[in-house]
Amino acid sequence: MSSSTLGLKSRLAVLNFIEFAVWGAYLTSLGNYLGRIGMSSDISWFYAIQGIVSIFMPGIIGIVADRYIQAQRVLSICHLLAGMFMIGAAIYCMSADNNVEFGPLFTLYSLSVAFYMPTIGLANSVAYSALGRYNLDPVKHFPPIRVFGTIGFICAMLFVNFVGPEGHKFQTSYMQLYVSGILSFLMCIYALTMPKCPVNKGSGKASISDALGLKAFALFKDHTMAIFFLFSMLLGVSLQITNGYGNLFISSFQSVAEYADSWGAKNANALISLSQMSETCCILLIPYCLKRFGIKGVMLMAMIAWVGRFGFFGIGNPGSGVWLFVLSMIVYGIAFDFFNVSGSLYVDQKTDVSIRSSAQGLFMIMTNGLGATFGTLAAGKVLDVVVFSKPEGIEQIEGWHKAWLIFAAYAAVVAILFALIFHDKKKAPEVTKREIADESGADPAGFDIVNGEVGANTNDL
């Protein structure tokens, strides 16, 4: 492996580290803070807004990156704006003290999230483009790079869990918002150091759909892709439920004498960080699993893992049943990464380079957009009935267990339907053949994640 290739992969690893550290600073702990300031019934909206903005923002920003402004520059601008609004939310909470109102906080937070969510797809596009310039197969080389995103997420989680005076850790206060905002500013600067991404301005007279960047939606004309996106949306329903409520659920055991002094109940974010640690291992398994089982097998594994994620929460506790919580954290790596990372790679290989960012944006719309929005709001309704309507203590704990089992049943139904309905016999386009940014003009064969085939000319780097 050349020094230039190693240097590129190191730079992309840092990019992913910061990208997901921004999210990890608050994603799993915001619900805890909101619950402590009397906004338990509003938690679903703070997580649903991530889905709502993902319905349109990734698509719009993806169009800009595909056709008008280089993706790494758009990534920088989005993080600048996301950081400004997140810091604004933190300043408001600090000034309001214990009198935080829903309206101002939700508005500032929503604006920040609106500019952050598109950056997940943009960061992928920047990485895929850079790997293409160096003739590196994304299926083989992107997962080890993406691992550092998970490591960044973990570091941010542990930071807000342990930093701060006893009883006022960052995970229970507005300080987590400051951490996220500062990291966004750092990302704003670092993104500008990335290799330049191509802009497909096109030539001649463009159609209205071309001008608006709607070509990615033509993927729905393909029966297989339409079904894939449909199930991506259905699985996306599960994405934000444990992020929004997992920390609050585990911390709620402190209201029960038997578990009040347990380490897990007092350090929910640290316990949940095992989920992200599991991710670091599972991401590295993706190339092998895609080669061995194809996209259907990998996606089915993710769906079954979601059943375990919710089910183990439903029967565990931070005392004698803490091992069930640990199992829930372990299977999360498969549930999240085998779905998100593999799905992103699949979309990349099934689409042309000219609509790469738009296609990634569409994947975000279906998963973190429509799916996560519906899932978070629906979960909020379920929890309002079976948990928050009950007196604090053992009755709420029993309600939590019932809710997690309901979510597990939903994931099981989706898995069964996917196994019966989704079939993909077509070969995906070879990624490296589509890399117009490859200055060498080489035409090596890529990796087919549908059938698990490696072309004869794939570089072993």
Protein backbone atom coordinates (compact mmCIF):
# COMPACT_ATOMS: atom_id res chain seq x y z
CA MET A 1 0.00 0.00 0.00
CA SER A 2 1.47 3.35 -1.06
CA SER A 3 2.02 6.18 1.41
CA SER A 4 -0.42 8.37 -0.53
CA THR A 5 -3.14 5.71 -0.24
CA LEU A 6 -2.47 5.28 3.48
CA GLY A 7 -2.53 9.04 3.96
CA LEU A 8 -5.87 9.32 2.18
CA LYS A 9 -7.45 6.59 4.29
CA SER A 10 -6.13 8.22 7.46
CA ARG A 11 -7.63 11.57 6.45
CA LEU A 12 -10.99 9.95 5.70
CA ALA A 13 -10.85 8.13 9.06
CA VAL A 14 -10.46 11.47 10.86
CA LEU A 15 -13.33 12.88 8.78
CA ASN A 16 -15.61 10.07 9.94
CA PHE A 17 -14.39 10.37 13.54
CA ILE A 18 -15.43 14.02 13.81
CA GLU A 19 -18.61 13.57 11.74
CA PHE A 20 -20.10 11.06 14.14
CA ALA A 21 -18.64 12.57 17.31
CA VAL A 22 -20.88 15.57 16.59
CA TRP A 23 -23.89 13.26 16.74
CA GLY A 24 -22.67 11.10 19.61
CA ALA A 25 -22.39 14.11 21.91
CA TYR A 26 -26.16 14.28 22.30
CA LEU A 27 -28.00 11.57 20.36
CA THR A 28 -28.25 8.99 23.15
CA SER A 29 -28.36 11.41 26.09
CA LEU A 30 -30.67 14.23 24.97
CA GLY A 31 -33.73 12.29 26.10
CA ASN A 32 -32.26 12.07 29.60
CA TYR A 33 -31.78 15.86 29.75
CA LEU A 34 -35.25 16.55 28.38
CA GLY A 35 -36.79 14.20 30.93
CA ARG A 36 -34.99 15.98 33.75
CA ILE A 37 -36.35 19.40 32.71
CA GLY A 38 -39.93 18.14 32.47
CA MET A 39 -40.15 17.47 28.73
CA SER A 40 -40.59 13.69 28.76
CA SER A 41 -43.71 13.92 26.60
CA ASP A 42 -41.81 16.01 24.03
CA ILE A 43 -38.85 13.65 23.58
CA SER A 44 -40.43 12.00 20.54
CA TRP A 45 -40.57 15.33 18.71
CA PHE A 46 -36.89 16.07 19.29
CA TYR A 47 -36.00 12.75 17.68
CA ALA A 48 -38.76 12.82 15.08
CA ILE A 49 -37.49 16.17 13.77
CA GLN A 50 -34.32 14.38 12.67
CA GLY A 51 -36.53 12.26 10.47
CA ILE A 52 -38.71 15.13 9.30
CA VAL A 53 -35.78 17.21 8.06
CA SER A 54 -34.25 14.07 6.53
CA ILE A 55 -37.26 13.82 4.24
CA PHE A 56 -36.16 16.85 2.25
CA MET A 57 -32.84 18.29 3.44
CA PRO A 58 -30.49 15.45 2.35
CA GLY A 59 -32.12 15.46 -1.08
CA ILE A 60 -31.82 19.22 -1.51
CA ILE A 61 -28.26 19.36 -0.20
CA GLY A 62 -27.35 16.31 -2.30
CA ILE A 63 -28.56 18.13 -5.42
CA VAL A 64 -26.35 21.10 -4.57
CA ALA A 65 -23.34 18.82 -4.05
CA ASP A 66 -23.99 16.88 -7.27
CA ARG A 67 -24.56 19.84 -9.57
CA TYR A 68 -23.35 23.14 -8.14
CA ILE A 69 -20.84 23.11 -5.25
CA GLN A 70 -18.18 20.50 -4.48
CA ALA A 71 -19.39 18.06 -1.83
CA GLN A 72 -16.56 18.73 0.62
CA ARG A 73 -17.41 22.46 0.58
CA VAL A 74 -21.11 21.80 1.10
CA LEU A 75 -20.15 19.53 4.01
CA SER A 76 -18.18 22.39 5.55
CA ILE A 77 -21.02 24.92 5.15
CA CYS A 78 -23.60 22.56 6.64
CA HIS A 79 -21.47 21.94 9.73
CA LEU A 80 -20.90 25.67 10.19
CA LEU A 81 -24.65 26.31 10.28
CA ALA A 82 -25.40 23.21 12.37
CA GLY A 83 -22.79 24.26 14.93
CA MET A 84 -24.10 27.83 15.14
CA PHE A 85 -27.67 26.73 15.86
CA MET A 86 -26.60 24.02 18.34
CA ILE A 87 -24.49 26.52 20.29
CA GLY A 88 -27.47 28.85 20.19
CA ALA A 89 -29.65 26.12 21.73
CA ALA A 90 -27.06 25.55 24.47
CA ILE A 91 -26.86 29.27 25.26
CA TYR A 92 -30.64 29.48 25.49
CA CYS A 93 -30.83 26.51 27.90
CA MET A 94 -28.07 27.98 30.04
CA SER A 95 -29.79 31.36 30.27
CA ALA A 96 -33.23 29.85 30.91
CA ASP A 97 -31.90 27.61 33.71
CA ASN A 98 -34.85 25.51 34.93
CA ASN A 99 -37.43 27.42 32.88
CA VAL A 100 -36.61 26.05 29.44
CA GLU A 101 -39.56 26.36 27.07
CA PHE A 102 -40.29 23.95 24.26
CA GLY A 103 -40.64 26.53 21.47
CA PRO A 104 -37.24 28.28 21.53
CA LEU A 105 -35.24 25.12 22.29
CA PHE A 106 -37.03 23.04 19.68
CA THR A 107 -36.62 25.72 17.01
CA LEU A 108 -32.87 26.15 17.51
CA TYR A 109 -32.32 22.41 17.83
CA SER A 110 -34.38 21.71 14.69
CA LEU A 111 -32.39 24.19 12.61
CA SER A 112 -29.16 22.58 13.76
CA VAL A 113 -30.39 19.09 12.95
CA ALA A 114 -31.69 20.26 9.56
CA PHE A 115 -28.14 21.08 8.50
CA TYR A 116 -26.48 18.16 10.27
CA MET A 117 -28.52 15.27 8.86
CA PRO A 118 -27.46 15.85 5.22
CA THR A 119 -23.81 15.70 6.28
CA ILE A 120 -24.03 11.95 6.94
CA GLY A 121 -24.69 11.26 3.27
CA LEU A 122 -22.28 13.99 2.20
CA ALA A 123 -19.46 12.48 4.27
CA ASN A 124 -20.12 9.15 2.52
CA SER A 125 -20.04 10.83 -0.90
CA VAL A 126 -16.76 12.59 -0.10
CA ALA A 127 -15.23 9.27 0.98
CA TYR A 128 -16.52 7.33 -2.05
CA SER A 129 -15.26 10.02 -4.42
CA ALA A 130 -11.82 10.14 -2.80
CA LEU A 131 -11.47 6.36 -2.83
CA GLY A 132 -12.44 6.35 -6.50
CA ARG A 133 -9.68 8.83 -7.33
CA TYR A 134 -7.18 6.36 -5.91
CA ASN A 135 -8.85 3.37 -7.59
CA LEU A 136 -9.85 1.81 -4.26
CA ASP A 137 -12.96 -0.38 -4.05
CA PRO A 138 -15.38 1.24 -1.53
CA VAL A 139 -16.83 -2.11 -0.44
CA LYS A 140 -13.41 -3.26 0.67
CA HIS A 141 -11.86 -0.03 1.91
CA PHE A 142 -14.76 2.08 3.23
CA PRO A 143 -15.88 -0.10 6.20
CA PRO A 144 -12.49 0.13 8.02
CA ILE A 145 -12.62 3.90 7.49
CA ARG A 146 -16.23 4.10 8.72
CA VAL A 147 -15.18 2.30 11.91
CA PHE A 148 -13.54 5.54 13.04
CA GLY A 149 -16.92 7.25 12.81
CA THR A 150 -18.21 4.82 15.40
CA ILE A 151 -15.12 5.36 17.53
CA GLY A 152 -15.77 9.10 17.39
CA PHE A 153 -19.38 8.51 18.43
CA ILE A 154 -18.21 6.40 21.38
CA CYS A 155 -15.64 8.95 22.51
CA ALA A 156 -18.23 11.72 22.49
CA MET A 157 -20.71 9.53 24.41
CA LEU A 158 -18.19 8.63 27.09
CA PHE A 159 -17.04 12.23 27.34
CA VAL A 160 -20.52 13.54 28.14
CA ASN A 161 -21.14 10.55 30.45
CA PHE A 162 -18.13 11.07 32.71
CA VAL A 163 -17.35 14.80 32.46
CA GLY A 164 -19.01 17.17 34.93
CA PRO A 165 -19.62 17.18 38.69
CA GLU A 166 -21.51 14.30 40.31
CA GLY A 167 -25.22 14.73 39.69
CA HIS A 168 -24.58 17.22 36.89
CA LYS A 169 -22.79 15.18 34.25
CA PHE A 170 -22.92 16.54 30.72
CA GLN A 171 -25.28 13.70 29.76
CA THR A 172 -27.96 15.18 32.01
CA SER A 173 -27.42 18.84 31.11
CA TYR A 174 -27.31 21.30 28.21
CA MET A 175 -23.51 20.99 28.14
CA GLN A 176 -23.87 18.12 25.67
CA LEU A 177 -25.19 20.68 23.18
CA TYR A 178 -22.07 22.81 23.59
CA VAL A 179 -19.89 19.77 22.93
CA SER A 180 -21.76 18.96 19.73
CA GLY A 181 -21.63 22.55 18.48
CA ILE A 182 -17.89 22.88 19.05
CA LEU A 183 -17.24 19.62 17.20
CA SER A 184 -19.33 20.88 14.27
CA PHE A 185 -17.10 23.96 14.02
CA LEU A 186 -14.07 21.67 13.97
CA MET A 187 -15.63 19.62 11.18
CA CYS A 188 -16.40 22.81 9.25
CA ILE A 189 -12.68 23.52 9.03
CA TYR A 190 -11.48 19.96 8.48
CA ALA A 191 -13.91 19.21 5.62
CA LEU A 192 -12.18 21.85 3.50
CA THR A 193 -8.97 19.81 3.56
CA MET A 194 -10.62 16.86 1.78
CA PRO A 195 -9.89 16.00 -1.88
CA LYS A 196 -12.06 17.91 -4.33
CA CYS A 197 -15.22 16.11 -5.40
CA PRO A 198 -16.51 16.28 -8.99
CA VAL A 199 -19.50 18.47 -9.81
CA ASN A 200 -21.73 17.23 -12.62
CA LYS A 201 -22.95 20.49 -14.15
CA GLY A 202 -23.75 18.70 -17.39
CA SER A 203 -23.78 20.08 -20.87
CA GLY A 204 -26.47 21.28 -23.20
CA LYS A 205 -30.10 21.86 -22.28
CA ALA A 206 -31.18 19.97 -19.20
CA SER A 207 -34.68 18.72 -18.45
CA ILE A 208 -36.64 20.04 -15.49
CA SER A 209 -35.98 16.84 -13.54
CA ASP A 210 -32.26 17.14 -14.27
CA ALA A 211 -32.19 20.78 -13.19
CA LEU A 212 -33.90 19.92 -9.91
CA GLY A 213 -31.75 16.86 -9.37
CA LEU A 214 -34.73 14.51 -9.29
CA LYS A 215 -33.06 11.78 -11.35
CA ALA A 216 -32.36 9.77 -8.21
CA PHE A 217 -36.11 9.25 -7.74
CA ALA A 218 -36.12 7.38 -11.05
CA LEU A 219 -34.58 4.52 -9.06
CA PHE A 220 -38.13 3.72 -7.94
CA LYS A 221 -38.87 2.60 -11.52
CA ASP A 222 -36.65 -0.38 -10.83
CA HIS A 223 -38.85 -2.96 -9.06
CA THR A 224 -35.99 -4.30 -6.95
CA MET A 225 -34.81 -0.85 -5.87
CA ALA A 226 -38.36 0.22 -5.07
CA ILE A 227 -38.78 -2.77 -2.73
CA PHE A 228 -35.33 -2.14 -1.24
CA PHE A 229 -36.21 1.48 -0.45
CA LEU A 230 -39.61 0.44 0.94
CA PHE A 231 -38.03 -1.97 3.40
CA SER A 232 -35.31 0.56 4.18
CA MET A 233 -38.11 2.85 5.30
CA LEU A 234 -39.81 0.12 7.34
CA LEU A 235 -36.54 -0.78 9.04
CA GLY A 236 -35.77 2.92 9.51
CA VAL A 237 -38.75 2.98 11.88
CA SER A 238 -36.51 1.29 14.47
CA LEU A 239 -33.48 3.57 14.11
CA GLN A 240 -34.11 6.30 16.65
CA ILE A 241 -36.23 4.52 19.28
CA THR A 242 -33.38 3.31 21.48
CA ASN A 243 -31.40 6.49 20.80
CA GLY A 244 -34.28 8.60 22.06
CA TYR A 245 -35.42 6.47 24.97
CA GLY A 246 -32.69 3.98 25.85
CA ASN A 247 -30.81 6.32 28.19
CA LEU A 248 -34.00 7.45 29.93
CA PHE A 249 -35.17 3.84 30.27
CA ILE A 250 -31.98 2.61 31.91
CA SER A 251 -31.72 5.69 34.16
CA SER A 252 -35.33 5.21 35.30
CA PHE A 253 -34.23 2.13 37.27
CA GLN A 254 -32.77 4.57 39.81
CA SER A 255 -36.35 5.12 41.01
CA VAL A 256 -36.52 1.47 42.10
CA ALA A 257 -34.68 0.73 45.37
CA GLU A 258 -33.35 -2.62 44.14
CA TYR A 259 -31.47 -0.96 41.25
CA ALA A 260 -30.93 2.58 42.54
CA ASP A 261 -27.22 2.13 43.24
CA SER A 262 -26.39 -0.13 40.30
CA TRP A 263 -23.58 1.09 38.03
CA GLY A 264 -25.68 0.71 34.90
CA ALA A 265 -28.56 2.82 36.17
CA LYS A 266 -26.14 5.61 37.08
CA ASN A 267 -24.07 5.43 33.90
CA ALA A 268 -26.59 4.77 31.17
CA ASN A 269 -24.57 6.46 28.43
CA ALA A 270 -21.47 4.43 29.26
CA LEU A 271 -23.52 1.23 29.17
CA ILE A 272 -25.10 2.20 25.87
CA SER A 273 -21.65 2.96 24.45
CA LEU A 274 -21.16 -0.84 24.28
CA SER A 275 -23.54 -0.63 21.32
CA GLN A 276 -21.12 1.56 19.42
CA MET A 277 -18.18 -0.61 20.48
CA SER A 278 -20.02 -3.52 18.92
CA GLU A 279 -20.33 -1.44 15.77
CA THR A 280 -16.56 -1.17 15.42
CA CYS A 281 -16.34 -4.94 15.09
CA CYS A 282 -19.44 -5.39 12.95
CA ILE A 283 -18.41 -2.78 10.39
CA LEU A 284 -15.25 -4.77 9.69
CA LEU A 285 -17.37 -7.86 9.02
CA ILE A 286 -19.41 -6.14 6.30
CA PRO A 287 -17.11 -6.87 3.32
CA TYR A 288 -16.97 -10.59 4.21
CA CYS A 289 -20.70 -10.84 4.90
CA LEU A 290 -21.63 -9.01 1.71
CA LYS A 291 -19.39 -11.34 -0.27
CA ARG A 292 -20.72 -14.43 1.48
CA PHE A 293 -24.43 -13.63 1.87
CA GLY A 294 -25.19 -10.74 -0.51
CA ILE A 295 -27.28 -7.69 0.30
CA LYS A 296 -30.43 -9.68 1.17
CA GLY A 297 -28.65 -11.86 3.70
CA VAL A 298 -26.94 -8.90 5.35
CA MET A 299 -30.12 -6.82 5.54
CA LEU A 300 -32.02 -9.79 6.98
CA MET A 301 -29.34 -10.18 9.66
CA ALA A 302 -29.86 -6.52 10.56
CA MET A 303 -33.61 -6.98 10.89
CA ILE A 304 -33.27 -10.03 13.12
CA ALA A 305 -30.74 -8.14 15.22
CA TRP A 306 -33.32 -5.38 15.78
CA VAL A 307 -35.64 -8.01 17.25
CA GLY A 308 -32.86 -8.90 19.70
CA ARG A 309 -32.03 -5.24 20.41
CA PHE A 310 -35.57 -4.50 21.58
CA GLY A 311 -36.28 -7.94 23.04
CA PHE A 312 -33.25 -7.98 25.34
CA PHE A 313 -34.19 -4.50 26.59
CA GLY A 314 -37.67 -5.87 27.26
CA ILE A 315 -36.53 -8.64 29.60
CA GLY A 316 -33.36 -7.15 31.11
CA ASN A 317 -32.47 -4.90 34.05
CA PRO A 318 -29.27 -3.21 35.33
CA GLY A 319 -28.97 -5.70 38.21
CA SER A 320 -29.02 -9.47 37.79
CA GLY A 321 -30.30 -9.04 34.25
CA VAL A 322 -27.60 -6.62 33.12
CA TRP A 323 -26.16 -9.34 30.88
CA LEU A 324 -29.32 -9.05 28.78
CA PHE A 325 -28.64 -5.34 28.39
CA VAL A 326 -25.12 -6.19 27.30
CA LEU A 327 -26.49 -8.63 24.71
CA SER A 328 -28.78 -5.87 23.45
CA MET A 329 -25.75 -3.61 23.01
CA ILE A 330 -23.80 -6.32 21.20
CA VAL A 331 -26.49 -7.10 18.61
CA TYR A 332 -26.95 -3.37 17.97
CA GLY A 333 -23.73 -3.37 15.96
CA ILE A 334 -25.31 -5.79 13.49
CA ALA A 335 -28.69 -4.06 13.61
CA PHE A 336 -27.33 -0.62 12.81
CA ASP A 337 -24.27 -1.16 10.62
CA PHE A 338 -25.44 -4.09 8.55
CA PHE A 339 -28.39 -1.89 7.61
CA ASN A 340 -26.92 1.61 7.29
CA VAL A 341 -23.43 0.96 5.94
CA SER A 342 -24.36 -1.97 3.70
CA GLY A 343 -27.43 -0.14 2.44
CA SER A 344 -25.35 2.92 1.59
CA LEU A 345 -22.81 0.78 -0.30
CA TYR A 346 -25.61 -1.01 -2.16
CA VAL A 347 -27.16 2.27 -3.26
CA ASP A 348 -23.75 3.56 -4.34
CA GLN A 349 -23.17 0.53 -6.55
CA LYS A 350 -26.65 0.58 -8.05
CA THR A 351 -26.47 4.24 -9.13
CA ASP A 352 -24.44 6.31 -11.56
CA VAL A 353 -21.72 8.62 -10.27
CA SER A 354 -23.61 11.65 -11.64
CA ILE A 355 -26.35 11.20 -9.03
CA ARG A 356 -24.25 9.73 -6.21
CA SER A 357 -25.01 12.43 -3.60
CA SER A 358 -28.67 12.60 -4.62
CA ALA A 359 -29.02 8.81 -4.33
CA GLN A 360 -27.40 8.84 -0.89
CA GLY A 361 -29.80 11.63 0.02
CA LEU A 362 -32.72 9.50 -1.14
CA PHE A 363 -31.54 6.61 1.04
CA MET A 364 -31.44 9.04 3.97
CA ILE A 365 -34.95 10.24 3.14
CA MET A 366 -36.36 6.73 3.28
CA THR A 367 -34.47 5.63 6.42
CA ASN A 368 -33.68 8.58 8.68
CA GLY A 369 -36.49 10.57 7.07
CA LEU A 370 -39.81 8.86 6.56
CA GLY A 371 -38.97 5.72 8.52
CA ALA A 372 -37.42 7.33 11.58
CA THR A 373 -40.08 10.06 11.74
CA PHE A 374 -42.96 7.61 11.78
CA GLY A 375 -41.14 5.26 14.13
CA THR A 376 -40.23 7.90 16.68
CA LEU A 377 -43.70 9.45 16.78
CA ALA A 378 -45.38 6.05 16.95
CA ALA A 379 -43.01 4.95 19.71
CA GLY A 380 -43.79 8.16 21.60
CA LYS A 381 -47.51 7.35 21.47
CA VAL A 382 -46.91 3.81 22.70
CA LEU A 383 -44.74 5.04 25.56
CA ASP A 384 -47.25 7.73 26.54
CA VAL A 385 -49.81 4.97 27.07
CA VAL A 386 -47.78 2.16 28.62
CA VAL A 387 -45.02 4.13 30.43
CA PHE A 388 -45.47 7.84 31.04
CA SER A 389 -49.11 7.48 32.10
CA LYS A 390 -47.96 5.25 34.99
CA PRO A 391 -46.61 6.37 38.39
CA GLU A 392 -42.81 6.64 38.53
CA GLY A 393 -41.17 3.49 39.85
CA ILE A 394 -41.93 -0.16 39.35
CA GLU A 395 -45.10 0.47 37.31
CA GLN A 396 -43.18 2.55 34.77
CA ILE A 397 -40.47 -0.10 34.60
CA GLU A 398 -43.08 -2.73 33.81
CA GLY A 399 -44.47 -0.41 31.14
CA TRP A 400 -41.02 -0.02 29.61
CA HIS A 401 -40.62 -3.78 29.36
CA LYS A 402 -43.99 -4.11 27.61
CA ALA A 403 -43.10 -1.33 25.15
CA TRP A 404 -39.77 -2.90 24.16
CA LEU A 405 -41.47 -6.21 23.43
CA ILE A 406 -44.01 -4.42 21.22
CA PHE A 407 -41.14 -2.88 19.23
CA ALA A 408 -39.46 -6.30 18.98
CA ALA A 409 -42.63 -7.81 17.53
CA TYR A 410 -42.75 -5.09 14.87
CA ALA A 411 -39.13 -5.76 13.84
CA ALA A 412 -39.90 -9.49 13.58
CA VAL A 413 -42.81 -8.88 11.20
CA VAL A 414 -40.64 -6.67 8.97
CA ALA A 415 -37.92 -9.34 8.86
CA ILE A 416 -40.37 -12.06 7.82
CA LEU A 417 -41.88 -9.91 5.06
CA PHE A 418 -38.45 -8.91 3.77
CA ALA A 419 -37.34 -12.56 3.58
CA LEU A 420 -40.42 -13.42 1.54
CA ILE A 421 -40.60 -10.40 -0.79
CA PHE A 422 -37.12 -9.01 -1.57
CA HIS A 423 -35.13 -10.69 -4.36
CA ASP A 424 -32.25 -9.22 -6.33
CA LYS A 425 -30.77 -11.37 -9.07
CA LYS A 426 -29.19 -8.52 -11.01
CA LYS A 427 -25.54 -7.62 -10.75
CA ALA A 428 -24.82 -4.20 -9.35
CA PRO A 429 -22.74 -1.90 -11.55
CA GLU A 430 -19.03 -2.16 -10.79
CA VAL A 431 -18.06 0.79 -8.66
CA THR A 432 -14.58 1.32 -9.98
CA LYS A 433 -15.81 1.41 -13.55
CA ARG A 434 -17.98 4.37 -12.65
CA GLU A 435 -15.26 6.45 -11.03
CA ILE A 436 -14.81 9.26 -13.53
CA ALA A 437 -12.49 10.95 -11.09
CA ASP A 438 -9.83 8.27 -11.58
CA GLU A 439 -7.03 10.20 -13.20
CA SER A 440 -5.19 7.07 -14.32
CA GLY A 441 -8.02 6.04 -16.62
CA ALA A 442 -7.77 2.46 -15.33
CA ASP A 443 -10.77 0.18 -15.62
CA PRO A 444 -10.45 -2.50 -12.96
CA ALA A 445 -13.35 -4.71 -12.01
CA GLY A 446 -15.19 -3.91 -8.82
CA PHE A 447 -16.98 -5.91 -6.19
CA ASP A 448 -20.57 -7.03 -6.71
CA ILE A 449 -22.34 -6.80 -3.36
CA VAL A 450 -25.45 -8.44 -4.75
CA ASN A 451 -23.81 -11.71 -5.75
CA GLY A 452 -20.57 -11.44 -3.81
CA GLU A 453 -18.27 -11.60 -6.82
CA VAL A 454 -14.85 -9.99 -7.18
CA GLY A 455 -13.60 -9.00 -10.62
CA ALA A 456 -10.34 -10.40 -11.84
CA ASN A 457 -8.65 -7.00 -11.87
CA THR A 458 -9.58 -5.86 -8.39
CA ASN A 459 -6.54 -4.33 -6.72
CA ASP A 460 -5.48 -6.04 -3.53
CA LEU A 461 -4.42 -2.97 -1.61
